[in-house]
Protein backbone atom coordinates (compact mmCIF):
# COMPACT_ATOMS: atom_id res chain seq x y z
CA MET A 1 0.00 0.00 0.01
CA ASN A 2 1.44 3.36 -0.99
CA GLN A 3 2.06 5.76 1.87
CA ASN A 4 2.36 9.46 2.27
CA ILE A 5 5.64 9.82 4.19
CA LEU A 6 7.20 12.73 6.06
CA LEU A 7 10.98 12.15 6.31
CA ILE A 8 13.06 14.16 8.73
CA THR A 9 16.85 14.24 8.39
CA GLY A 10 19.36 14.26 11.20
CA TRP A 11 21.58 16.89 12.80
CA GLY A 12 24.44 18.52 10.93
CA GLY A 13 24.20 17.74 7.24
CA GLY A 14 20.96 18.89 5.63
CA THR A 15 18.32 17.07 3.71
CA LYS A 16 20.55 16.02 0.77
CA LEU A 17 21.94 13.20 2.97
CA LEU A 18 18.59 11.44 2.78
CA ALA A 19 17.81 12.29 -0.84
CA SER A 20 18.64 8.78 -2.09
CA LEU A 21 16.40 7.24 0.58
CA LYS A 22 13.60 9.57 -0.42
CA GLN A 23 14.09 8.64 -4.13
CA ALA A 24 14.20 4.91 -3.31
CA LEU A 25 10.90 5.16 -1.36
CA GLU A 26 9.38 7.11 -4.24
CA ASN A 27 10.48 4.35 -6.66
CA LYS A 28 8.38 1.98 -4.52
CA GLY A 29 5.31 4.25 -5.17
CA HIS A 30 5.28 6.17 -1.95
CA THR A 31 4.97 9.95 -1.71
CA VAL A 32 7.75 11.48 0.36
CA GLU A 33 8.40 14.97 1.69
CA LEU A 34 11.93 15.43 3.11
CA ILE A 35 12.45 18.17 5.69
CA ASN A 36 15.33 19.41 7.84
CA ILE A 37 15.49 19.37 11.59
CA PHE A 38 13.58 22.06 13.46
CA ASN A 39 13.59 23.58 16.96
CA ALA A 40 11.16 21.34 18.81
CA LEU A 41 11.94 23.26 22.07
CA ASP A 42 9.98 26.22 20.57
CA LEU A 43 6.37 25.11 21.29
CA GLU A 44 4.97 27.36 18.48
CA VAL A 45 7.38 25.86 15.95
CA LEU A 46 6.52 22.34 17.24
CA GLN A 47 2.82 22.94 16.91
CA GLN A 48 3.28 24.17 13.30
CA GLN A 49 5.12 21.01 12.47
CA VAL A 50 2.40 18.86 14.19
CA ASP A 51 -0.19 20.54 12.00
CA LYS A 52 1.90 19.86 8.92
CA ALA A 53 2.56 16.31 9.89
CA LYS A 54 -1.09 15.50 10.36
CA ASN A 55 -1.47 15.23 6.60
CA PHE A 56 0.96 12.25 6.36
CA ASP A 57 0.44 8.54 6.99
CA VAL A 58 4.00 7.79 8.16
CA ILE A 59 6.29 10.03 10.15
CA MET A 60 9.95 8.85 9.76
CA GLY A 61 13.18 10.31 11.05
CA TRP A 62 16.90 9.61 11.24
CA SER A 63 18.82 10.16 14.53
CA LEU A 64 17.61 13.53 15.90
CA GLY A 65 14.97 13.37 13.15
CA GLY A 66 13.66 10.23 14.89
CA GLN A 67 13.17 12.13 18.17
CA LEU A 68 11.41 14.88 16.27
CA ALA A 69 9.20 12.36 14.51
CA THR A 70 8.28 10.88 17.83
CA LEU A 71 7.26 14.30 19.17
CA LEU A 72 5.13 14.81 16.07
CA VAL A 73 3.16 11.57 16.37
CA ASP A 74 2.61 12.35 20.02
CA GLY A 75 1.41 15.83 19.14
CA ILE A 76 -0.97 14.49 16.47
CA GLU A 77 -2.42 11.88 18.81
CA LYS A 78 -3.04 14.47 21.55
CA ARG A 79 -4.37 17.20 19.34
CA TYR A 80 -6.25 15.23 16.66
CA ALA A 81 -6.74 11.78 18.33
CA GLU A 82 -5.08 10.14 15.25
CA GLN A 83 -2.29 7.58 15.28
CA LYS A 84 0.34 7.78 12.58
CA VAL A 85 2.89 5.13 11.80
CA LEU A 86 6.30 6.10 13.45
CA ILE A 87 9.58 4.92 11.96
CA THR A 88 12.92 5.88 13.47
CA LEU A 89 16.37 5.16 12.00
CA ALA A 90 19.47 5.06 14.33
CA SER A 91 17.59 7.26 16.85
CA ASN A 92 18.18 7.30 20.61
CA PRO A 93 15.10 8.66 22.41
CA SER A 94 17.47 10.16 25.00
CA PHE A 95 20.69 10.98 23.15
CA VAL A 96 22.38 12.57 26.22
CA GLU A 97 22.04 11.12 29.67
CA SER A 98 18.83 12.22 31.21
CA PHE A 99 18.90 12.71 34.99
CA VAL A 100 15.14 12.23 35.10
CA GLU A 101 15.20 8.69 33.68
CA ASN A 102 18.85 7.88 34.14
CA GLU A 103 18.00 4.85 36.27
CA GLU A 104 16.48 3.09 33.31
CA TRP A 105 18.24 4.73 30.30
CA GLN A 106 21.95 4.16 30.60
CA THR A 107 22.53 3.92 26.80
CA ALA A 108 23.13 7.60 26.20
CA MET A 109 26.11 9.97 25.76
CA ASP A 110 27.40 11.21 29.10
CA GLN A 111 26.84 14.88 29.90
CA ALA A 112 30.62 15.76 30.01
CA THR A 113 31.25 14.33 26.47
CA PHE A 114 28.31 16.19 25.00
CA GLN A 115 29.34 19.49 26.63
CA ASN A 116 32.81 19.06 25.23
CA PHE A 117 31.22 18.56 21.80
CA LYS A 118 29.02 21.66 22.18
CA GLN A 119 32.09 23.77 23.25
CA SER A 120 34.04 22.42 20.35
CA PHE A 121 31.23 23.43 17.96
CA GLU A 122 31.13 26.93 19.42
CA HIS A 123 34.92 27.22 18.97
CA ASP A 124 35.20 25.78 15.43
CA ALA A 125 31.89 24.72 13.84
CA ILE A 126 33.38 23.49 10.56
CA ALA A 127 36.03 21.28 12.13
CA THR A 128 33.47 19.86 14.62
CA LEU A 129 31.01 19.11 11.87
CA ARG A 130 33.75 17.29 10.01
CA LYS A 131 34.55 15.22 13.06
CA PHE A 132 30.89 14.48 13.57
CA GLY A 133 30.62 13.38 9.95
CA PHE A 134 33.46 10.87 10.50
CA MET A 135 31.63 9.48 13.57
CA VAL A 136 28.54 9.05 11.42
CA CYS A 137 30.49 6.79 9.11
CA GLN A 138 32.73 5.04 11.68
CA GLY A 139 32.38 1.31 12.53
CA THR A 140 32.37 -0.45 9.12
CA ALA A 141 35.00 -1.54 6.63
CA SER A 142 33.74 1.07 4.12
CA SER A 143 33.90 4.02 6.61
CA LYS A 144 36.64 5.89 4.63
CA GLN A 145 34.76 5.74 1.32
CA ASP A 146 31.46 6.51 3.11
CA PHE A 147 33.03 9.60 4.62
CA VAL A 148 33.98 10.81 1.13
CA THR A 149 30.37 10.24 0.03
CA LEU A 150 29.01 11.97 3.05
CA GLN A 151 31.22 15.06 2.48
CA SER A 152 29.90 15.29 -1.14
CA LEU A 153 26.36 15.38 0.13
CA ILE A 154 26.62 17.83 3.06
CA GLN A 155 25.08 21.20 2.52
CA PRO A 156 26.00 24.43 4.32
CA GLN A 157 23.74 24.74 7.36
CA ASN A 158 22.39 27.65 9.24
CA LEU A 159 24.42 27.91 12.50
CA GLY A 160 21.31 28.99 14.47
CA ILE A 161 19.46 25.87 13.43
CA LEU A 162 22.43 23.69 14.26
CA LYS A 163 22.74 25.24 17.74
CA GLN A 164 19.00 24.72 18.32
CA GLY A 165 19.51 21.11 17.17
CA LEU A 166 22.25 20.59 19.71
CA ASN A 167 19.92 21.82 22.43
CA CYS A 168 17.30 19.40 21.28
CA LEU A 169 19.76 16.54 21.40
CA GLU A 170 20.77 17.65 24.88
CA GLN A 171 17.25 18.07 26.35
CA LEU A 172 14.80 15.87 24.48
CA ASN A 173 13.73 12.63 26.08
CA THR A 174 11.00 10.75 24.23
CA VAL A 175 11.22 7.47 26.17
CA SER A 176 7.83 7.89 27.88
CA ILE A 177 6.16 8.68 24.53
CA LEU A 178 7.49 5.50 22.97
CA LYS A 179 6.49 3.45 25.94
CA ASN A 180 2.92 4.61 25.75
CA TYR A 181 2.31 5.27 22.06
CA THR A 182 -0.82 3.49 20.86
CA GLY A 183 0.03 3.65 17.12
CA HIS A 184 2.37 1.45 15.11
CA GLN A 185 6.04 2.06 15.66
CA TYR A 186 9.17 0.51 13.98
CA HIS A 187 12.70 1.26 15.13
CA LEU A 188 15.83 0.33 13.15
CA PHE A 189 19.32 0.29 14.73
CA ALA A 190 22.76 -0.59 13.47
CA GLN A 191 25.23 -2.87 15.18
CA GLN A 192 28.33 -0.87 14.41
CA ASP A 193 26.76 2.52 15.11
CA TYR A 194 29.31 4.73 16.82
CA LEU A 195 26.87 7.38 17.98
CA VAL A 196 23.82 5.39 19.05
CA SER A 197 24.66 2.05 20.75
CA TYR A 198 22.95 -0.97 19.46
CA LYS A 199 22.10 -1.67 23.14
CA VAL A 200 19.39 0.96 22.81
CA ALA A 201 17.41 -1.72 20.95
CA GLU A 202 17.57 -3.94 24.08
CA ASN A 203 16.00 -1.11 26.12
CA PHE A 204 13.09 -0.94 23.59
CA GLN A 205 12.35 -4.60 24.27
CA LYS A 206 11.26 -3.63 27.74
CA PHE A 207 8.55 -1.33 26.47
CA ASN A 208 4.91 -2.51 26.72
CA ALA A 209 3.70 -0.56 23.68
CA LYS A 210 1.24 -2.82 21.76
CA PHE A 211 2.42 -2.15 18.20
CA LEU A 212 6.19 -1.95 18.63
CA GLU A 213 8.75 -3.50 16.33
CA ILE A 214 12.53 -3.35 16.60
CA GLU A 215 15.21 -4.48 14.21
CA LEU A 216 19.01 -4.54 14.38
CA ILE A 217 21.02 -4.52 11.17
CA SER A 218 24.71 -4.41 10.26
CA GLY A 219 25.91 -0.83 9.52
CA SER A 220 27.07 2.50 10.80
CA HIS A 221 25.06 5.40 12.10
CA GLY A 222 24.88 6.61 8.48
CA PHE A 223 23.04 3.48 7.26
CA PRO A 224 20.04 5.47 5.89
CA ILE A 225 22.57 7.30 3.63
CA PHE A 226 24.62 4.29 2.51
CA GLN A 227 22.07 1.46 2.63
CA PHE A 228 19.00 3.21 1.36
CA ASP A 229 17.84 0.42 -0.99
CA SER A 230 17.82 -2.28 1.77
CA ILE A 231 16.30 0.20 4.24
CA THR A 232 13.50 1.00 1.74
CA ASP A 233 12.73 -2.77 1.47
CA LYS A 234 12.33 -2.91 5.22
């Protein structure tokens, strides 16, 4: 069945990174709109995105985009009493250690490491983005070639949006939404992911959500960029 899909990219690189995934989904007969990250900590911006997302069947996001997609399906359910299909790719619902749920969510970046990354970004955004890009590709035998591909796809980004995105990564915690979401949800993780541990998938298995499916594949954090055909099949 052909679906109307809203696809949200991750932090740091722009929408072109997922253009091949978008095309592959469209080749299957789906309709796809690809958007960049947005500041979900601004409630007015979030509500605008919820109203937009209501018109889609599937809300899908990569990395930070997965957290944003989760917020959107939650907002649609609360505002319109509708359940959309949620798909996340290499997305940790709590990317940075959350002191609120730290007892049950150990698979996150520690605060000190993230603060160092933020400070590095403030000091030299270009060098930090390049380092981040390498981490996206790290973990597989093809990491060097993947990094070259990634660099060719990265678009110049608005620094303000990138800073807002870092704040989202630092503050967002969508664990409780995923635990309680009544719609269908599918979460795909990669075993060699350097940024989001595959152990996050084990945490998901403890959730009691009725329509929850998790899958672990081989690949790096950038698998939606480099394995778009196989991802589309899934």
